[in-house]
Protein backbone atom coordinates (compact mmCIF):
# COMPACT_ATOMS: atom_id res chain seq x y z
CA MET A 1 45.72 7.40 49.57
CA THR A 2 43.27 7.28 52.44
CA GLY A 3 41.41 4.03 51.74
CA PRO A 4 42.36 0.55 52.80
CA ARG A 5 45.45 -1.03 51.33
CA ILE A 6 44.39 -4.06 49.33
CA ALA A 7 46.41 -7.04 48.10
CA LEU A 8 45.31 -9.84 45.81
CA LEU A 9 47.04 -13.19 46.21
CA LEU A 10 47.09 -15.24 43.01
CA SER A 11 47.55 -18.90 43.89
CA GLY A 12 47.16 -20.74 40.61
CA VAL A 13 43.65 -22.00 41.40
CA PRO A 14 40.70 -21.60 39.01
CA SER A 15 39.05 -19.08 41.33
CA ASP A 16 41.96 -16.63 40.87
CA LEU A 17 39.91 -15.12 38.03
CA THR A 18 36.93 -14.30 40.23
CA ALA A 19 39.24 -13.14 43.01
CA SER A 20 40.92 -10.81 40.52
CA VAL A 21 37.61 -9.29 39.44
CA SER A 22 36.53 -8.90 43.07
CA ALA A 23 39.81 -7.30 44.13
CA VAL A 24 39.84 -4.84 41.23
CA GLN A 25 36.24 -3.81 41.84
CA LEU A 26 36.87 -3.46 45.57
CA ALA A 27 39.94 -1.31 44.93
CA GLY A 28 37.92 0.80 42.50
CA ARG A 29 35.11 1.38 45.00
CA THR A 30 37.53 2.33 47.77
CA GLU A 31 39.86 4.33 45.51
CA SER A 32 42.77 2.17 46.60
CA ARG A 33 45.88 0.94 44.84
CA LEU A 34 45.88 -2.82 44.39
CA TYR A 35 48.95 -4.91 45.15
CA VAL A 36 48.89 -8.09 43.07
CA LEU A 37 51.01 -10.90 44.48
CA GLN A 38 51.89 -14.15 42.79
CA GLY A 39 54.19 -16.99 43.74
CA ARG A 40 57.02 -17.90 41.41
CA LYS A 41 55.93 -20.67 39.08
CA VAL A 42 57.54 -22.69 36.33
CA GLU A 43 60.54 -20.89 34.89
CA GLY A 44 59.62 -18.78 31.91
CA GLU A 45 56.06 -17.96 33.00
CA GLY A 46 57.17 -14.84 34.83
CA LEU A 47 54.52 -12.15 34.93
CA ASP A 48 51.94 -13.87 32.68
CA GLY A 49 49.65 -14.43 35.65
CA PHE A 50 49.40 -10.67 36.13
CA SER A 51 48.13 -9.94 32.61
CA PHE A 52 44.39 -10.29 33.22
CA VAL A 53 44.47 -8.38 36.49
CA THR A 54 46.42 -5.44 35.12
CA GLU A 55 44.31 -5.22 31.96
CA PHE A 56 41.03 -5.39 33.88
CA ALA A 57 42.34 -2.90 36.45
CA THR A 58 43.21 -0.49 33.64
CA LEU A 59 39.65 -0.78 32.30
CA GLU A 60 38.31 -0.06 35.79
CA GLY A 61 40.72 2.84 36.41
CA VAL A 62 42.54 1.04 39.24
CA LYS A 63 46.29 1.37 39.71
CA THR A 64 48.17 -1.84 40.37
CA ASN A 65 51.58 -2.85 41.65
CA CYS A 66 52.59 -6.41 40.74
CA HIS A 67 55.02 -8.41 42.86
CA LEU A 68 56.43 -11.86 42.27
CA LEU A 69 56.95 -13.71 45.54
CA VAL A 70 60.16 -15.73 45.71
CA ASP A 71 59.00 -18.71 47.76
CA GLY A 72 55.39 -17.93 48.75
CA THR A 73 55.89 -18.70 52.43
CA VAL A 74 53.83 -17.24 55.25
CA ALA A 75 56.89 -15.28 56.37
CA GLU A 76 57.49 -13.75 52.94
CA LEU A 77 53.84 -12.77 52.48
CA ALA A 78 53.63 -11.37 56.01
CA ASP A 79 56.75 -9.29 55.45
CA PHE A 80 55.27 -7.87 52.24
CA LEU A 81 51.93 -7.07 53.88
CA LEU A 82 53.68 -5.37 56.78
CA ALA A 83 56.05 -3.39 54.56
CA HIS A 84 53.13 -2.06 52.50
CA SER A 85 50.66 -1.66 55.41
CA VAL A 86 48.12 -3.90 53.70
CA THR A 87 44.85 -4.20 55.61
CA TRP A 88 42.76 -6.35 53.23
CA LEU A 89 43.88 -9.51 51.43
CA VAL A 90 41.69 -10.95 48.65
CA VAL A 91 42.02 -14.65 47.86
CA GLY A 92 40.08 -17.10 45.72
CA VAL A 93 38.16 -20.13 46.90
CA TRP A 94 40.35 -23.21 47.08
CA PRO A 95 39.28 -26.68 45.93
CA GLU A 96 37.48 -28.65 48.64
CA GLU A 97 40.40 -31.03 49.21
CA SER A 98 42.79 -28.13 49.96
CA ARG A 99 40.56 -25.90 52.09
CA SER A 100 41.64 -27.10 55.53
CA GLU A 101 45.31 -26.77 54.56
CA ARG A 102 44.63 -23.30 53.15
CA ALA A 103 42.69 -22.23 56.26
CA GLU A 104 45.62 -23.31 58.45
CA TRP A 105 48.04 -21.37 56.22
CA LEU A 106 45.89 -18.21 56.47
CA ASP A 107 45.64 -18.64 60.25
CA GLN A 108 49.45 -18.77 60.43
CA LEU A 109 49.58 -15.58 58.39
CA ARG A 110 47.13 -13.78 60.70
CA GLU A 111 49.04 -14.91 63.76
CA ARG A 112 52.37 -13.74 62.36
CA LEU A 113 50.87 -10.34 61.59
CA ARG A 114 49.30 -10.07 65.07
CA GLN A 115 52.72 -10.63 66.62
CA ALA A 116 54.45 -7.99 64.49
CA PRO A 117 55.64 -5.09 66.65
CA GLY A 118 54.03 -1.75 65.90
CA ARG A 119 51.45 -3.07 63.44
CA PHE A 120 48.97 -0.25 63.02
CA CYS A 121 46.04 -2.55 62.22
CA PRO A 122 45.92 -5.59 64.49
CA GLU A 123 43.77 -7.82 62.26
CA LEU A 124 44.24 -8.56 58.57
CA GLN A 125 40.88 -8.79 56.83
CA ILE A 126 40.92 -11.76 54.46
CA ILE A 127 38.25 -11.61 51.79
CA VAL A 128 37.51 -14.90 50.10
CA ALA A 129 36.05 -13.99 46.73
CA PRO A 130 32.91 -15.93 45.90
CA PRO A 131 32.94 -18.02 42.76
CA LEU A 132 31.21 -16.43 39.77
CA ALA A 133 29.61 -18.13 36.81
CA GLU A 134 31.47 -17.68 33.54
CA SER A 135 28.54 -15.69 32.13
CA ASP A 136 28.76 -13.26 35.06
CA LEU A 137 32.51 -12.79 34.52
CA GLU A 138 31.97 -12.15 30.82
CA ARG A 139 29.26 -9.59 31.61
CA ILE A 140 31.47 -7.76 34.11
CA ILE A 141 34.41 -7.64 31.72
CA SER A 142 32.18 -6.52 28.86
CA GLN A 143 30.70 -3.72 30.99
CA ALA A 144 34.18 -2.58 32.02
CA ARG A 145 35.30 -2.46 28.38
CA ARG A 146 32.20 -0.50 27.36
CA LEU A 147 32.62 2.01 30.19
CA SER A 148 36.27 2.43 29.27
CA GLN A 149 35.34 3.08 25.63
CA LEU A 150 32.69 5.63 26.68
CA ALA A 151 35.18 7.42 28.94
CA ALA A 152 37.78 7.50 26.17
CA GLY A 153 35.18 8.94 23.77
CA LYS A 154 34.21 11.68 26.24
CA ASN A 155 37.86 12.57 26.81
CA GLN A 156 38.37 12.78 23.06
CA GLU A 157 35.31 15.05 22.69
CA LYS A 158 36.62 17.38 25.39
CA GLY A 159 39.95 17.63 23.58
CA GLN A 160 38.26 18.51 20.28
CA ASN A 161 35.97 21.12 21.85
CA ARG A 162 38.83 23.18 23.17
């Protein structure tokens, strides 16, 4: 894999959906594997938060690796990003009342990564996915499904023509 290493951080905010679409499409354009990270939530929810991302990624032909973070701290996320040489992190837009807190948290993450010995890429690129209207999300998902169906049909035709 020669492209950037991309991670998506699911945070339980409404914009996780648009961040997921953005991250999958970005990974598809750069031919990168997508690491999907989610903090541990209420017991019993487990990997449910990964469902949309993995299904949409499959439609788009993107390979994903899902990881459940134990405590969601800056240190834990930084350790994961370092261990997997992640260069781009995709996040959703946070509600207005949480943005300054979130910006401070992301600054702490950048600083921790800058201080890591031997980091091959000195600056983590954080991509804040823009919010999308519901109609735009539906259109994108519909197009992905249609393209997947067309590709499956072509693959079936090739198999029958042999």
